[in-house]
Amino acid sequence: MGDDQATTESIAVTGATGSVGGRVAARLARRGAAQRLVVRDLNRAPELPGASAAMAAYEDRTAMRRALQGATTLFLVSATESADRVDRHIAAVDAAVEAGVGRIVYLSFLNPGPAAVFTFARDHFFTEAHIRSTGVAHTFLRPSLYLDLLPGWADEQGVVRGPAGSGRVAWVARDDIADVAAEVLLDPAAHEDRAYDLTGPEAVTLGETVGRLSTLTGRTVRYVPETWEEALESRRPSGAPEWAIEGWASSYAAIAAGELEAVSPAVPDITGHPAQTIEGYLRKHPSALNHVEPTS
């Protein structure tokens, strides 16, 4: 692992200690790509062949600019949800442009919009708009909800609660997202100024989703619809700020509104392999099912 002064990398990867950025960095390393891993903590940066590490936080524009010197492409993983997430994204994008980065591949979200029902998707809309405004070449990856996190949607009683109604969602595996990202990063011309919806192979209701979880686990998992107000009230005891509570509840409301029902061919088209199904993913990762508890 080199130091943060190295300038030979062409690809900078943020979030390399996280679930998507780490997967992308590992794939790039296997493909022999030189890369700069931009992390908040150098001690946690993965040791990968052909990679150096630099420490910077998105909101520290000076540190980000220094960390990105010498990179031609930036894989920008969206920051953890916060009240100032758009400001942090804008600072990172501006630092990249100032550092001479010519291309940004941004991990966005499905159906971003200024008035999206899913409140966190609004952040992605404004971030995408800012990236476009800089004139830098870009590719937007817009995944649906993560299949990997699905078992955690059930509470301790094996119940999934929320205002999703009978809407549908095409859960997508993070491995598939990372496979797409690696291909896009390594083939700039083919994907310049494009946006890709990244989904699983089918859209299912939450009722159908928990039915499959029940079959796979041999346990009873139920979906209990809530109204919007019920959803907010049921989450307020967590002590989380109101913007976070609305964000959690609105992920279900976005399903009901049809914002997440898209089924895209982008994963197979770009990677050459089919997108993982719920059953396929959970059979490959049986430990994920340990998070699903039986109903009492």
Protein backbone atom coordinates (compact mmCIF):
# COMPACT_ATOMS: atom_id res chain seq x y z
CA MET A 1 0.00 0.00 0.00
CA GLY A 2 1.48 3.31 -1.04
CA ASP A 3 1.20 6.63 0.71
CA ASP A 4 -1.17 9.46 -0.12
CA GLN A 5 1.38 11.23 -2.28
CA ALA A 6 1.33 8.66 -5.07
CA THR A 7 0.01 10.08 -8.34
CA THR A 8 0.02 7.11 -10.70
CA GLU A 9 -3.56 5.93 -10.16
CA SER A 10 -6.17 6.61 -12.79
CA ILE A 11 -9.18 5.49 -10.71
CA ALA A 12 -10.03 6.84 -7.26
CA VAL A 13 -12.51 4.82 -5.19
CA THR A 14 -14.34 6.28 -2.21
CA GLY A 15 -16.04 4.19 0.43
CA ALA A 16 -13.43 1.43 0.05
CA THR A 17 -14.03 0.33 3.65
CA GLY A 18 -17.75 -0.02 2.97
CA SER A 19 -20.05 -2.62 1.48
CA VAL A 20 -20.13 -1.37 -2.12
CA GLY A 21 -16.88 0.58 -2.41
CA GLY A 22 -14.94 -2.32 -0.91
CA ARG A 23 -16.42 -4.73 -3.40
CA VAL A 24 -15.61 -2.41 -6.29
CA ALA A 25 -12.03 -1.90 -5.12
CA ALA A 26 -11.51 -5.67 -4.84
CA ARG A 27 -12.83 -6.21 -8.36
CA LEU A 28 -10.60 -3.50 -9.81
CA ALA A 29 -7.60 -5.02 -8.05
CA ARG A 30 -8.38 -8.45 -9.53
CA ARG A 31 -8.50 -6.82 -12.96
CA GLY A 32 -5.07 -5.26 -12.45
CA ALA A 33 -6.27 -1.65 -12.26
CA ALA A 34 -4.21 0.94 -10.41
CA GLN A 35 -6.40 2.77 -7.93
CA ARG A 36 -6.42 5.29 -5.12
CA LEU A 37 -8.58 4.33 -2.13
CA VAL A 38 -10.02 7.45 -0.52
CA VAL A 39 -10.94 6.63 3.08
CA ARG A 40 -11.66 8.41 6.35
CA ASP A 41 -9.34 6.11 8.30
CA LEU A 42 -6.09 4.91 6.71
CA ASN A 43 -5.86 2.06 9.23
CA ARG A 44 -9.03 0.54 7.79
CA ALA A 45 -8.05 0.83 4.13
CA PRO A 46 -7.95 -2.62 2.48
CA GLU A 47 -4.58 -3.94 1.36
CA LEU A 48 -4.97 -4.53 -2.37
CA PRO A 49 -2.42 -4.99 -5.15
CA GLY A 50 -1.98 -1.88 -7.26
CA ALA A 51 -3.71 0.35 -4.70
CA SER A 52 -2.57 3.28 -2.60
CA ALA A 53 -4.61 5.00 0.08
CA ALA A 54 -5.39 8.62 0.90
CA MET A 55 -7.31 9.97 3.86
CA ALA A 56 -10.08 12.51 3.29
CA ALA A 57 -13.66 13.23 4.25
CA TYR A 58 -16.10 14.51 1.63
CA GLU A 59 -16.74 17.72 3.52
CA ASP A 60 -13.00 18.51 3.74
CA ARG A 61 -12.59 19.95 0.27
CA THR A 62 -8.86 20.60 0.66
CA ALA A 63 -8.13 17.05 1.78
CA MET A 64 -10.33 15.62 -0.96
CA ARG A 65 -8.59 17.70 -3.61
CA ARG A 66 -5.20 16.50 -2.37
CA ALA A 67 -6.37 12.87 -2.21
CA LEU A 68 -7.66 12.99 -5.79
CA GLN A 69 -4.58 14.50 -7.40
CA GLY A 70 -3.51 12.29 -10.31
CA ALA A 71 -6.84 10.47 -10.65
CA THR A 72 -8.68 10.69 -13.94
CA THR A 73 -11.83 8.84 -12.80
CA LEU A 74 -13.65 8.99 -9.46
CA PHE A 75 -16.04 6.36 -8.17
CA LEU A 76 -18.12 8.41 -5.75
CA VAL A 77 -20.10 6.33 -3.28
CA SER A 78 -22.95 8.32 -1.78
CA ALA A 79 -22.31 9.38 1.80
CA THR A 80 -24.14 7.97 4.78
CA GLU A 81 -27.54 9.63 5.14
CA SER A 82 -27.36 12.90 7.03
CA ALA A 83 -29.10 16.25 7.14
CA ASP A 84 -26.23 17.80 5.14
CA ARG A 85 -25.51 14.94 2.75
CA VAL A 86 -26.01 17.00 -0.43
CA ASP A 87 -23.55 19.63 0.82
CA ARG A 88 -20.99 16.89 1.49
CA HIS A 89 -21.48 15.47 -2.00
CA ILE A 90 -21.12 18.88 -3.60
CA ALA A 91 -17.87 19.50 -1.71
CA ALA A 92 -16.49 16.16 -2.93
CA VAL A 93 -17.52 16.79 -6.52
CA ASP A 94 -16.03 20.28 -6.53
CA ALA A 95 -12.79 18.95 -5.04
CA ALA A 96 -12.63 16.31 -7.76
CA VAL A 97 -13.08 18.85 -10.53
CA GLU A 98 -10.44 21.12 -8.97
CA ALA A 99 -8.05 18.14 -8.76
CA GLY A 100 -8.43 17.51 -12.48
CA VAL A 101 -10.67 14.44 -12.36
CA GLY A 102 -12.29 14.15 -15.77
CA ARG A 103 -14.97 11.58 -15.04
CA ILE A 104 -17.22 10.78 -12.09
CA VAL A 105 -19.11 7.50 -11.67
CA TYR A 106 -21.68 8.22 -8.95
CA LEU A 107 -23.57 5.65 -6.88
CA SER A 108 -27.03 7.20 -6.91
CA PHE A 109 -30.46 5.62 -6.37
CA LEU A 110 -33.39 4.49 -8.45
CA ASN A 111 -35.77 7.25 -9.60
CA PRO A 112 -34.07 10.25 -8.02
CA GLY A 113 -36.23 13.35 -8.08
CA PRO A 114 -36.63 16.69 -6.30
CA ALA A 115 -39.98 15.54 -4.87
CA ALA A 116 -39.36 11.78 -4.71
CA VAL A 117 -41.49 9.99 -2.15
CA PHE A 118 -38.32 8.35 -0.82
CA THR A 119 -36.80 11.41 0.80
CA PHE A 120 -33.21 10.16 0.52
CA ALA A 121 -33.65 9.85 -3.26
CA ARG A 122 -33.99 13.63 -3.36
CA ASP A 123 -30.37 13.94 -2.22
CA HIS A 124 -29.31 11.87 -5.22
CA PHE A 125 -31.26 14.07 -7.61
CA PHE A 126 -29.51 17.22 -6.43
CA THR A 127 -26.13 15.50 -6.43
CA GLU A 128 -26.62 14.27 -9.99
CA ALA A 129 -27.70 17.77 -11.04
CA HIS A 130 -24.55 19.27 -9.55
CA ILE A 131 -22.32 16.73 -11.26
CA ARG A 132 -23.96 17.56 -14.59
CA SER A 133 -23.53 21.29 -13.95
CA THR A 134 -19.75 20.92 -13.69
CA GLY A 135 -19.51 19.60 -17.25
CA VAL A 136 -17.41 16.62 -16.14
CA ALA A 137 -18.04 13.30 -17.92
CA HIS A 138 -20.20 11.11 -15.74
CA THR A 139 -22.09 7.86 -15.30
CA PHE A 140 -24.88 7.45 -12.75
CA LEU A 141 -25.55 4.03 -11.23
CA ARG A 142 -29.05 3.93 -9.76
CA PRO A 143 -29.61 0.78 -7.72
CA SER A 144 -32.86 -0.29 -6.17
CA LEU A 145 -33.05 -1.40 -2.53
CA TYR A 146 -30.25 -3.74 -1.48
CA LEU A 147 -31.14 -7.41 -1.45
CA ASP A 148 -28.35 -7.94 1.10
CA LEU A 149 -30.28 -5.90 3.67
CA LEU A 150 -33.63 -7.58 3.10
CA PRO A 151 -33.43 -10.01 6.07
CA GLY A 152 -32.88 -7.05 8.37
CA TRP A 153 -36.22 -5.55 7.39
CA ALA A 154 -37.91 -8.10 9.66
CA ASP A 155 -38.08 -7.19 13.35
CA GLU A 156 -37.44 -9.47 16.31
CA GLN A 157 -40.86 -11.05 15.84
CA GLY A 158 -40.27 -11.81 12.19
CA VAL A 159 -42.55 -8.99 11.04
CA VAL A 160 -41.89 -6.48 8.27
CA ARG A 161 -43.88 -3.31 8.95
CA GLY A 162 -44.35 -0.28 6.76
CA PRO A 163 -46.60 1.69 4.40
CA ALA A 164 -45.63 -0.21 1.23
CA GLY A 165 -49.17 -1.26 0.29
CA SER A 166 -49.17 -3.62 -2.68
CA GLY A 167 -46.32 -1.84 -4.46
CA ARG A 168 -43.40 -3.74 -5.92
CA VAL A 169 -39.63 -3.59 -5.63
CA ALA A 170 -36.87 -5.35 -7.58
CA TRP A 171 -34.29 -6.00 -4.85
CA VAL A 172 -30.70 -5.92 -6.16
CA ALA A 173 -27.59 -7.58 -4.72
CA ARG A 174 -24.58 -5.42 -3.87
CA ASP A 175 -22.34 -7.92 -5.68
CA ASP A 176 -24.24 -7.19 -8.89
CA ILE A 177 -23.90 -3.45 -8.33
CA ALA A 178 -20.15 -3.82 -7.80
CA ASP A 179 -19.83 -5.95 -10.93
CA VAL A 180 -21.53 -3.23 -12.96
CA ALA A 181 -19.44 -0.48 -11.37
CA ALA A 182 -16.18 -2.27 -12.18
CA GLU A 183 -17.15 -2.69 -15.83
CA VAL A 184 -18.22 0.95 -16.10
CA LEU A 185 -15.04 2.22 -14.46
CA LEU A 186 -12.82 0.17 -16.75
CA ASP A 187 -14.58 1.12 -20.00
CA PRO A 188 -15.09 4.90 -19.93
CA ALA A 189 -16.10 5.49 -23.54
CA ALA A 190 -18.89 2.92 -23.53
CA HIS A 191 -20.68 4.45 -20.57
CA GLU A 192 -20.00 8.19 -20.76
CA ASP A 193 -22.92 10.42 -19.75
CA ARG A 194 -25.21 7.43 -19.19
CA ALA A 195 -27.49 6.51 -16.27
CA TYR A 196 -28.30 2.90 -15.43
CA ASP A 197 -31.08 1.54 -13.25
CA LEU A 198 -29.67 -1.46 -11.39
CA THR A 199 -32.30 -3.94 -10.25
CA GLY A 200 -32.96 -7.58 -9.68
CA PRO A 201 -34.72 -9.70 -12.32
CA GLU A 202 -38.27 -9.22 -11.00
CA ALA A 203 -40.34 -6.82 -8.94
CA VAL A 204 -42.27 -8.30 -6.02
CA THR A 205 -44.57 -7.00 -3.31
CA LEU A 206 -43.49 -7.11 0.30
CA GLY A 207 -46.13 -9.80 0.84
CA GLU A 208 -44.47 -11.92 -1.84
CA THR A 209 -41.06 -11.07 -0.45
CA VAL A 210 -41.81 -12.29 3.07
CA GLY A 211 -43.47 -15.38 1.63
CA ARG A 212 -40.18 -16.28 0.02
CA LEU A 213 -38.30 -15.57 3.22
CA SER A 214 -40.69 -17.88 5.05
CA THR A 215 -40.09 -20.66 2.52
CA LEU A 216 -36.33 -20.26 2.67
CA THR A 217 -36.10 -20.10 6.46
CA GLY A 218 -38.88 -22.48 7.44
CA ARG A 219 -40.04 -19.71 9.76
CA THR A 220 -43.11 -17.56 9.55
CA VAL A 221 -42.28 -14.07 8.33
CA ARG A 222 -45.18 -11.65 7.94
CA TYR A 223 -45.76 -8.29 6.31
CA VAL A 224 -47.97 -5.90 8.29
CA PRO A 225 -49.01 -2.76 6.38
CA GLU A 226 -48.88 0.54 8.25
CA THR A 227 -50.26 3.97 7.49
CA TRP A 228 -47.76 6.79 7.09
CA GLU A 229 -48.47 8.11 10.59
CA GLU A 230 -48.27 4.62 12.10
CA ALA A 231 -44.91 4.14 10.44
CA LEU A 232 -43.55 7.38 11.88
CA GLU A 233 -44.87 6.64 15.37
CA SER A 234 -43.52 3.08 15.39
CA ARG A 235 -40.01 4.37 14.58
CA ARG A 236 -39.87 7.41 16.87
CA PRO A 237 -38.97 5.39 19.99
CA SER A 238 -35.59 4.76 18.34
CA GLY A 239 -34.64 8.33 19.20
CA ALA A 240 -33.46 8.98 15.65
CA PRO A 241 -33.91 12.51 14.23
CA GLU A 242 -37.14 13.18 12.36
CA TRP A 243 -35.41 13.40 8.95
CA ALA A 244 -34.06 9.88 9.46
CA ILE A 245 -37.40 8.51 10.61
CA GLU A 246 -39.12 10.01 7.57
CA GLY A 247 -36.40 8.56 5.38
CA TRP A 248 -36.92 5.04 6.74
CA ALA A 249 -40.70 5.23 6.47
CA SER A 250 -40.56 6.80 3.02
CA SER A 251 -38.60 3.84 1.63
CA TYR A 252 -41.79 1.82 2.14
CA ALA A 253 -44.02 4.63 0.89
CA ALA A 254 -41.90 4.82 -2.27
CA ILE A 255 -42.67 1.16 -2.91
CA ALA A 256 -46.38 1.90 -2.58
CA ALA A 257 -46.04 4.86 -4.95
CA GLY A 258 -44.45 2.72 -7.66
CA GLU A 259 -41.07 4.46 -7.50
CA LEU A 260 -39.20 1.17 -7.11
CA GLU A 261 -41.13 -1.15 -9.42
CA ALA A 262 -38.71 -0.85 -12.36
CA VAL A 263 -37.01 -3.99 -13.65
CA SER A 264 -33.90 -3.14 -15.66
CA PRO A 265 -31.70 -5.32 -17.89
CA ALA A 266 -28.59 -3.28 -17.03
CA VAL A 267 -26.98 -5.89 -14.75
CA PRO A 268 -26.99 -8.71 -17.33
CA ASP A 269 -26.35 -6.33 -20.23
CA ILE A 270 -23.23 -4.83 -18.64
CA THR A 271 -21.85 -7.79 -16.68
CA GLY A 272 -22.84 -10.70 -18.91
CA HIS A 273 -24.45 -12.60 -16.03
CA PRO A 274 -28.03 -12.56 -14.73
CA ALA A 275 -28.97 -10.43 -11.75
CA GLN A 276 -29.38 -12.44 -8.57
CA THR A 277 -32.83 -13.47 -7.41
CA ILE A 278 -33.96 -13.41 -3.78
CA GLU A 279 -33.66 -17.20 -3.60
CA GLY A 280 -30.33 -17.30 -5.41
CA TYR A 281 -28.77 -14.67 -3.19
CA LEU A 282 -29.96 -16.16 0.09
CA ARG A 283 -28.93 -19.66 -0.88
CA LYS A 284 -25.43 -18.33 -1.59
CA HIS A 285 -25.45 -16.41 1.70
CA PRO A 286 -27.39 -18.59 4.17
CA SER A 287 -25.95 -16.72 7.16
CA ALA A 288 -28.04 -13.71 6.13
CA LEU A 289 -31.12 -15.68 7.10
CA ASN A 290 -29.94 -15.73 10.72
CA HIS A 291 -31.31 -12.20 10.97
CA VAL A 292 -34.83 -13.45 10.31
CA GLU A 293 -36.41 -14.51 13.58
CA PRO A 294 -39.57 -16.64 13.88
CA THR A 295 -42.82 -15.05 14.95
CA SER A 296 -43.90 -15.66 18.52
